[in-house]
Protein backbone atom coordinates (compact mmCIF):
# COMPACT_ATOMS: atom_id res chain seq x y z
CA MET A 1 109.39 98.59 110.72
CA ALA A 2 106.97 95.96 111.98
CA ALA A 3 108.34 92.60 112.63
CA ALA A 4 107.21 89.70 110.40
CA VAL A 5 104.35 87.74 111.87
CA SER A 6 105.48 84.78 113.76
CA PRO A 7 105.47 81.42 111.87
CA LEU A 8 103.68 80.00 114.92
CA ILE A 9 100.73 82.22 114.56
CA VAL A 10 97.28 81.03 115.69
CA ALA A 11 94.29 82.87 114.06
CA LEU A 12 91.73 84.71 116.06
CA PRO A 13 88.64 82.53 116.71
CA GLU A 14 85.17 83.95 116.33
CA LEU A 15 84.60 86.11 119.30
CA PRO A 16 80.84 86.67 120.01
CA PRO A 17 79.54 89.38 122.23
CA LEU A 18 79.66 88.40 126.02
CA ALA A 19 76.85 89.63 128.17
CA GLY A 20 77.95 92.50 130.41
CA VAL A 21 81.01 93.36 128.54
CA ARG A 22 81.61 96.29 126.17
CA LEU A 23 84.69 97.30 124.65
CA SER A 24 86.46 100.16 122.62
CA SER A 25 89.91 101.19 121.35
CA ALA A 26 91.60 104.28 120.09
CA ALA A 27 94.86 105.92 119.11
CA ALA A 28 95.84 108.18 121.89
CA GLY A 29 99.53 108.82 120.60
CA ILE A 30 101.00 107.77 123.83
CA ARG A 31 104.11 106.20 122.17
CA TYR A 32 102.92 104.72 118.85
CA GLN A 33 101.86 106.98 115.87
CA GLY A 34 98.94 105.89 113.80
CA ARG A 35 97.94 102.77 115.75
CA THR A 36 95.50 101.89 118.51
CA ASP A 37 97.28 102.12 121.98
CA VAL A 38 94.39 102.50 124.46
CA VAL A 39 91.73 100.09 125.35
CA MET A 40 88.60 100.55 127.48
CA ILE A 41 86.50 97.62 128.61
CA GLU A 42 83.35 98.34 130.63
CA VAL A 43 81.51 95.53 132.56
CA ALA A 44 78.12 95.33 134.06
CA SER A 45 77.54 96.93 137.52
CA GLY A 46 78.12 94.36 140.23
CA SER A 47 80.79 92.47 138.35
CA THR A 48 83.17 90.42 140.63
CA VAL A 49 86.98 90.27 139.94
CA ALA A 50 90.08 88.21 140.71
CA GLY A 51 93.57 88.85 139.82
CA VAL A 52 97.22 87.74 140.02
CA PHE A 53 100.21 89.96 139.60
CA THR A 54 104.01 89.94 139.02
CA SER A 55 106.29 88.84 141.67
CA ASN A 56 108.90 91.26 140.43
CA LYS A 57 109.94 93.43 143.29
CA CYS A 58 109.99 96.59 141.09
CA PRO A 59 106.26 96.45 139.94
CA GLY A 60 104.70 99.19 137.88
CA ALA A 61 102.24 101.68 139.42
CA PRO A 62 99.27 100.01 137.65
CA VAL A 63 100.12 96.65 139.51
CA ASP A 64 100.06 98.48 142.76
CA TRP A 65 96.77 100.16 141.85
CA CYS A 66 95.17 96.82 140.85
CA ARG A 67 96.33 95.01 143.81
CA ALA A 68 94.72 97.69 146.06
CA SER A 69 91.53 97.81 144.00
CA LEU A 70 91.18 94.01 144.00
CA LYS A 71 90.53 94.11 147.83
CA GLY A 72 86.99 95.33 147.03
CA GLY A 73 86.19 92.28 144.93
CA LYS A 74 84.19 94.33 142.34
CA ALA A 75 84.98 95.77 138.97
CA ARG A 76 83.34 98.25 136.58
CA MET A 77 85.90 99.33 134.06
CA LEU A 78 89.37 98.45 132.84
CA VAL A 79 91.69 100.69 131.07
CA VAL A 80 94.88 99.54 129.28
CA ASN A 81 97.44 101.37 127.37
CA ALA A 82 100.36 100.15 125.23
CA GLY A 83 103.66 101.81 124.61
CA ASN A 84 104.48 103.03 128.10
CA ALA A 85 104.63 100.63 131.12
CA ASN A 86 104.36 103.38 133.65
CA VAL A 87 106.99 101.56 135.67
CA PHE A 88 109.89 103.21 137.73
CA THR A 89 108.17 106.60 137.48
CA GLY A 90 107.59 107.42 141.08
CA LYS A 91 104.99 109.89 142.09
CA ALA A 92 104.09 110.82 138.51
CA GLY A 93 103.27 107.08 138.04
CA ARG A 94 100.88 106.91 140.96
CA GLU A 95 99.28 110.15 139.82
CA ALA A 96 98.69 108.79 136.33
CA CYS A 97 96.97 105.83 137.68
CA ALA A 98 94.67 107.83 139.99
CA ALA A 99 93.92 110.48 137.31
CA THR A 100 93.01 107.80 134.82
CA ALA A 101 90.85 105.80 137.19
CA ALA A 102 89.12 108.89 138.43
CA ALA A 103 88.28 110.05 134.88
CA ALA A 104 87.09 106.58 133.92
CA ALA A 105 85.02 106.17 137.05
CA LYS A 106 83.16 109.51 136.30
CA LEU A 107 82.17 108.01 132.97
CA ALA A 108 80.96 104.75 134.35
CA ASP A 109 79.40 106.34 137.40
CA CYS A 110 81.32 104.09 139.83
CA PRO A 111 84.01 104.40 142.55
CA ALA A 112 87.55 104.93 141.41
CA LYS A 113 88.48 101.62 143.09
CA GLN A 114 86.30 99.79 140.70
CA VAL A 115 88.47 100.91 137.72
CA PHE A 116 91.40 98.70 137.10
CA VAL A 117 94.32 100.07 135.00
CA ALA A 118 97.05 98.18 133.19
CA SER A 119 100.11 99.57 131.18
CA THR A 120 102.60 97.78 128.89
CA GLY A 121 105.65 99.15 126.96
CA VAL A 122 108.86 101.13 127.86
CA ILE A 123 109.96 101.14 131.41
CA GLY A 124 111.16 104.39 133.16
CA GLU A 125 109.39 107.01 130.90
CA VAL A 126 106.63 109.10 132.52
CA LEU A 127 103.24 108.14 131.15
CA PRO A 128 101.67 111.10 129.54
CA HIS A 129 98.31 110.44 131.19
CA GLU A 130 96.70 113.59 129.94
CA LYS A 131 96.58 112.05 126.50
CA LEU A 132 95.14 108.88 128.06
CA VAL A 133 92.53 110.76 129.97
CA ALA A 134 91.73 112.82 127.02
CA ALA A 135 90.86 109.79 125.04
CA LEU A 136 88.53 108.33 127.64
CA PRO A 137 85.20 110.15 126.66
CA GLY A 138 85.53 109.09 123.08
CA LEU A 139 86.28 105.53 124.16
CA HIS A 140 83.27 105.57 126.39
CA GLU A 141 80.91 106.67 123.67
CA SER A 142 82.08 103.95 121.22
CA LEU A 143 81.71 101.01 123.53
CA THR A 144 80.41 97.91 121.72
CA GLY A 145 79.86 94.33 122.48
CA ASP A 146 81.75 93.11 119.39
CA GLY A 147 84.99 95.01 119.88
CA TRP A 148 87.22 92.06 120.99
CA GLU A 149 89.57 91.95 117.96
CA LYS A 150 90.29 95.63 118.10
CA ALA A 151 90.97 95.30 121.72
CA ALA A 152 93.34 92.42 121.34
CA ARG A 153 95.20 94.40 118.80
CA GLY A 154 95.13 97.65 120.88
CA ILE A 155 97.24 96.18 123.79
CA MET A 156 99.93 94.76 121.54
CA THR A 157 103.62 96.03 121.98
CA THR A 158 106.13 93.82 120.06
CA ASP A 159 103.44 91.20 119.52
CA THR A 160 103.06 90.12 115.83
CA PHE A 161 99.63 88.94 116.20
CA PRO A 162 96.63 89.52 118.49
CA LYS A 163 95.64 86.87 121.03
CA ALA A 164 92.22 85.68 122.14
CA VAL A 165 90.52 82.54 123.23
CA THR A 166 86.87 81.79 123.98
CA LYS A 167 85.29 78.79 125.69
CA VAL A 168 81.88 77.48 126.84
CA ALA A 169 81.12 75.91 130.06
CA GLN A 170 78.23 74.42 132.14
CA ILE A 171 77.05 75.68 135.44
CA GLY A 172 74.16 73.37 136.34
CA ASP A 173 72.11 73.17 133.14
CA ALA A 174 73.13 76.61 131.92
CA ARG A 175 75.80 77.44 129.42
CA VAL A 176 78.25 80.23 130.18
CA ARG A 177 80.88 81.77 128.16
CA ILE A 178 84.61 82.72 128.99
CA THR A 179 86.52 84.95 126.65
CA GLY A 180 90.05 86.37 127.10
CA ILE A 181 92.54 88.40 125.38
CA ALA A 182 96.28 88.70 126.08
CA LYS A 183 99.47 90.43 124.99
CA GLY A 184 103.02 89.23 125.47
CA SER A 185 106.09 88.47 123.35
CA GLY A 186 109.21 89.47 125.31
CA MET A 187 110.20 89.92 128.85
CA ILE A 188 108.32 86.77 129.55
CA ALA A 189 109.19 84.43 132.55
CA PRO A 190 106.67 82.83 134.91
CA ASP A 191 106.45 83.92 138.38
CA MET A 192 102.73 84.52 138.71
CA ALA A 193 101.59 85.64 135.16
CA THR A 194 103.74 86.56 132.26
CA MET A 195 102.22 89.64 130.55
CA LEU A 196 98.78 91.14 130.30
CA CYS A 197 95.73 88.94 130.14
CA PHE A 198 92.17 89.85 130.77
CA VAL A 199 89.55 87.19 130.97
CA PHE A 200 85.77 87.73 131.22
CA THR A 201 82.82 85.45 131.81
CA ASP A 202 79.00 86.06 131.88
CA ALA A 203 78.77 83.72 134.86
CA LYS A 204 77.79 84.94 138.39
CA ILE A 205 80.60 83.87 140.67
CA PRO A 206 81.88 85.27 143.96
CA ALA A 207 85.25 86.99 143.89
CA ASP A 208 86.87 84.49 146.25
CA ALA A 209 85.84 81.54 144.01
CA LEU A 210 87.22 83.34 141.08
CA GLN A 211 90.53 83.96 142.87
CA THR A 212 90.99 80.43 143.80
CA MET A 213 90.42 79.14 140.25
CA LEU A 214 92.45 81.84 138.69
CA LYS A 215 95.36 81.22 140.94
CA LYS A 216 95.33 77.56 140.23
CA GLY A 217 94.82 77.96 136.62
CA VAL A 218 97.68 80.43 136.35
CA ASP A 219 100.03 78.09 138.11
CA ALA A 220 99.45 75.35 135.68
CA SER A 221 99.63 77.47 132.64
CA PHE A 222 101.41 80.90 132.53
CA ASN A 223 103.71 79.93 135.39
CA CYS A 224 104.93 76.97 133.12
CA THR A 225 106.13 79.20 130.37
CA THR A 226 109.05 81.30 129.29
CA VAL A 227 110.41 83.26 126.38
CA ASP A 228 113.53 84.82 127.89
CA SER A 229 113.66 84.24 131.58
CA ASP A 230 112.83 87.84 132.43
CA THR A 231 109.85 88.44 134.62
CA SER A 232 108.00 91.51 133.59
CA THR A 233 107.43 94.38 136.02
CA SER A 234 103.81 94.65 134.68
CA ASP A 235 102.49 91.13 134.84
CA THR A 236 98.78 91.14 135.24
CA VAL A 237 96.09 88.55 134.82
CA LEU A 238 92.44 89.59 135.66
CA LEU A 239 89.34 87.53 135.71
CA ILE A 240 85.98 89.34 135.69
CA ALA A 241 82.52 87.90 136.04
CA THR A 242 79.54 90.07 134.90
CA GLY A 243 76.90 87.86 136.46
CA GLN A 244 74.58 88.17 133.43
CA ALA A 245 74.17 84.56 132.73
CA GLN A 246 71.14 82.72 134.35
CA HIS A 247 72.41 79.65 136.25
CA PRO A 248 71.99 78.03 139.77
CA ARG A 249 73.48 80.06 142.55
CA ILE A 250 77.01 79.23 143.42
CA PRO A 251 77.21 77.85 147.05
CA PRO A 252 78.96 79.79 149.78
CA ALA A 253 82.68 79.17 150.56
CA ASP A 254 81.73 77.18 153.46
CA GLY A 255 80.09 74.57 151.24
CA ASN A 256 83.29 73.96 149.21
CA ALA A 257 82.44 70.52 148.19
CA ALA A 258 79.25 71.53 146.64
CA ARG A 259 80.78 74.82 145.17
CA ASN A 260 83.56 72.78 143.58
CA ARG A 261 81.17 70.34 142.06
CA MET A 262 79.05 73.24 140.48
CA LEU A 263 82.13 74.99 139.16
CA ALA A 264 83.91 71.98 138.03
CA ASP A 265 83.25 72.39 134.27
CA PHE A 266 83.79 76.24 134.62
CA ALA A 267 87.20 75.49 136.13
CA ARG A 268 88.03 72.90 133.31
CA ALA A 269 87.10 75.49 130.58
CA LEU A 270 89.13 78.34 132.45
CA ASN A 271 92.15 76.11 132.65
CA GLU A 272 91.91 75.25 129.02
CA LEU A 273 91.53 78.95 128.15
CA LEU A 274 94.54 79.96 130.31
CA MET A 275 96.87 77.31 128.85
CA GLU A 276 95.90 78.17 125.34
CA MET A 277 96.45 81.93 125.98
CA ALA A 278 99.86 81.15 127.58
CA LEU A 279 100.95 79.20 124.53
CA LEU A 280 99.81 81.97 122.32
CA VAL A 281 102.30 84.29 124.15
CA ILE A 282 105.09 81.56 123.58
CA ARG A 283 104.20 81.18 119.92
CA ASP A 284 104.74 84.95 119.62
CA GLY A 285 107.94 85.00 121.45
CA GLU A 286 110.24 87.71 120.19
CA GLY A 287 112.05 86.29 117.11
CA ALA A 288 110.53 82.84 117.81
CA GLN A 289 110.48 80.23 114.97
CA LYS A 290 109.71 77.06 117.08
CA LEU A 291 107.47 76.13 119.96
CA VAL A 292 109.24 73.86 122.50
CA ARG A 293 107.62 71.48 124.94
CA ILE A 294 109.79 70.06 127.69
CA ASP A 295 108.47 66.99 129.71
CA VAL A 296 110.23 66.03 132.84
CA THR A 297 109.58 62.75 134.59
CA GLY A 298 111.21 60.79 137.27
CA ALA A 299 112.09 63.66 139.56
CA THR A 300 112.02 63.40 143.29
CA ASN A 301 108.74 65.58 143.39
CA GLY A 302 106.70 67.81 141.23
CA ARG A 303 108.45 70.88 142.50
CA SER A 304 111.76 69.53 141.49
CA ALA A 305 110.60 68.55 138.14
CA LYS A 306 109.20 71.94 137.34
CA LYS A 307 112.45 73.58 138.41
CA ILE A 308 114.48 71.31 136.07
CA ALA A 309 112.04 71.85 133.24
CA MET A 310 112.27 75.59 133.63
CA ALA A 311 116.20 75.44 133.80
CA VAL A 312 116.12 73.67 130.41
CA ALA A 313 113.52 76.00 129.02
CA ASN A 314 115.48 79.04 130.07
CA SER A 315 118.94 77.92 128.92
CA PRO A 316 120.26 80.00 126.11
CA LEU A 317 122.37 77.16 124.88
CA VAL A 318 119.46 74.73 124.65
CA LYS A 319 117.40 77.48 122.88
CA THR A 320 120.03 78.40 120.36
CA ALA A 321 120.69 74.71 119.62
CA ILE A 322 117.01 74.52 118.87
CA ALA A 323 117.20 77.55 116.74
CA GLY A 324 119.94 76.06 114.77
CA GLU A 325 118.16 72.63 114.49
CA ASP A 326 121.01 71.10 116.29
CA ALA A 327 120.32 67.92 118.20
CA ASN A 328 122.69 68.61 120.81
CA TRP A 329 121.33 66.85 123.74
CA GLY A 330 124.50 67.53 125.90
CA ARG A 331 123.16 70.93 126.47
CA VAL A 332 120.14 69.41 128.01
CA VAL A 333 122.26 67.48 130.27
CA MET A 334 124.00 70.54 131.26
CA ALA A 335 120.73 72.53 131.99
CA VAL A 336 119.46 69.47 134.08
CA GLY A 337 122.62 69.55 136.20
CA LYS A 338 122.76 73.34 136.83
CA SER A 339 119.13 73.41 137.98
CA GLY A 340 120.48 72.49 141.55
CA GLU A 341 117.78 69.81 141.96
CA PRO A 342 118.53 66.31 142.70
CA ALA A 343 119.84 64.46 139.54
CA ASP A 344 122.11 61.44 139.09
CA ARG A 345 124.12 61.47 135.80
CA ASP A 346 124.07 57.81 135.47
CA LYS A 347 120.31 57.46 135.83
CA LEU A 348 119.39 60.40 133.31
CA SER A 349 117.70 59.71 130.10
CA ILE A 350 117.06 62.32 127.23
CA GLY A 351 114.78 62.12 124.32
CA VAL A 352 113.71 64.35 121.35
CA GLY A 353 110.73 63.90 119.13
CA GLY A 354 109.79 60.56 120.74
CA VAL A 355 113.30 59.18 120.19
CA TRP A 356 115.46 58.33 123.20
CA MET A 357 118.92 59.49 122.59
CA ALA A 358 120.48 58.69 125.93
CA ARG A 359 119.48 56.25 128.64
CA ASP A 360 120.76 55.70 132.13
CA GLY A 361 123.66 58.18 131.53
CA ALA A 362 124.91 56.91 128.15
CA VAL A 363 123.93 57.10 124.44
CA VAL A 364 121.43 54.52 123.40
CA PRO A 365 123.21 51.68 121.49
CA GLY A 366 122.67 52.12 117.71
CA TYR A 367 121.13 55.58 118.34
CA ASP A 368 120.10 57.07 114.85
CA GLU A 369 120.15 60.84 114.83
CA ALA A 370 118.29 61.07 111.43
CA PRO A 371 114.64 61.15 112.87
CA VAL A 372 115.79 63.58 115.54
CA VAL A 373 117.15 65.85 113.07
CA ALA A 374 114.07 65.68 110.95
CA HIS A 375 111.92 66.56 114.10
CA MET A 376 114.15 69.57 114.87
CA LYS A 377 113.48 71.07 111.58
CA GLY A 378 109.63 71.30 112.42
CA LEU A 379 107.81 74.12 113.98
CA GLU A 380 107.23 72.27 117.24
CA VAL A 381 109.96 70.47 119.22
CA LYS A 382 109.35 68.00 122.08
CA ILE A 383 112.17 67.26 124.55
CA ALA A 384 111.62 64.43 127.15
CA ILE A 385 113.86 64.16 130.34
CA ASP A 386 113.61 61.19 132.74
CA ILE A 387 115.59 61.92 135.99
CA GLY A 388 115.20 58.41 137.11
CA LEU A 389 114.79 59.20 140.96
CA GLY A 390 111.11 59.38 141.66
CA ASN A 391 107.58 60.03 140.45
CA GLY A 392 107.81 63.89 140.10
CA LYS A 393 106.75 65.24 136.77
CA ALA A 394 106.21 68.63 135.08
CA THR A 395 105.93 70.17 131.76
CA ALA A 396 107.29 73.54 130.61
CA TRP A 397 107.02 75.58 127.37
CA THR A 398 109.43 77.86 125.55
CA CYS A 399 110.52 78.85 122.17
CA ASP A 400 113.82 78.96 120.44
CA LEU A 401 116.29 81.96 120.70
CA THR A 402 117.10 83.50 117.34
CA HIS A 403 118.92 86.47 116.01
CA GLY A 404 115.47 87.92 115.76
CA TYR A 405 115.24 88.37 119.49
CA ILE A 406 118.47 90.36 119.39
CA ASP A 407 117.29 92.50 116.68
CA ILE A 408 114.06 93.41 118.42
CA ASN A 409 115.51 94.08 121.85
CA GLY A 410 118.66 95.85 120.47
CA SER A 411 116.45 98.63 118.97
CA TYR A 412 113.38 98.46 121.26
CA ARG A 413 113.45 102.16 122.46
CA SER A 414 114.99 103.59 119.36
């Protein structure tokens, strides 16, 4: 039975065609019956590509394939399946990637290394790639420029709603578009990316410039989010530029200052898109009922602040307190202390919903819990932590931990 749609849902925006991108989706019966589970996205010849992948030491075969393909800097096609992650499948997993890429390359008339593949779903089951390959000709015949919503739905697993964002940016006096789709709901913890995310632009940008911007954008977005502290074996974020827009030529890498100026607005729009995409995943966290923002200030440095913020975001005790709408700030203190980062109990301050509950290691005199309790009952919860030791700051995003998470993951394979 399908899970109820998250109360934190954000509706899909209008997703106009993007020059140089065509999409299609189909039901191949890989795991799910009667629902779309394969997506094909073809991009214009000569498209450049960047990517970041999971740091999990047991990555899926598709991650290995994409890492190797990324070295060429060019992309022509992307094939994604849901329901089977093609992870921990040994030689069979590698063969599935090679067979899929070879069949797709033949349809696109391109080298197999320009075909990127991604899989999401159950770990440890051999991917029936013959079903995937059999679906490719029909997918290729049905490619269309307006297939964004179907593609976003086709890559879902335990997601309760499809996820997409689109932005417009300026390069010189020309407008370019950036559109991305993502899937993710559980096994979400930042250490590069946190799920599958595919971003496309009609701009003409060299692969090295795309890589620099993507890495920086992911560090500030996906890598600051967590649902359950588990880093997926399949995490993949790809950024593909089709080069179909007419704009001034991007300067070479040795002219970094000029390049950065020309791409400044594009980088802004890309960063905004990545942040919105990351939050869509957290909003759809398995069983989530609340979106949680954790702001840490006063740490010894930014790295330390981020580690503290993530320790709080990943704490089951903090997350269950939020689910129970319990203003138990002692659990936040615990999570700060367990992070291993510099902290002084007698300088620590904790606030929720704009109300400081504790200052300098003690409860604020006359503290009134009523407004905090009211804030905890909302769909979005904000926690503020001041360490009192320096100028380091960071923000992390998470969701609450409910019985729904157990229900979903207790029966995931059955």
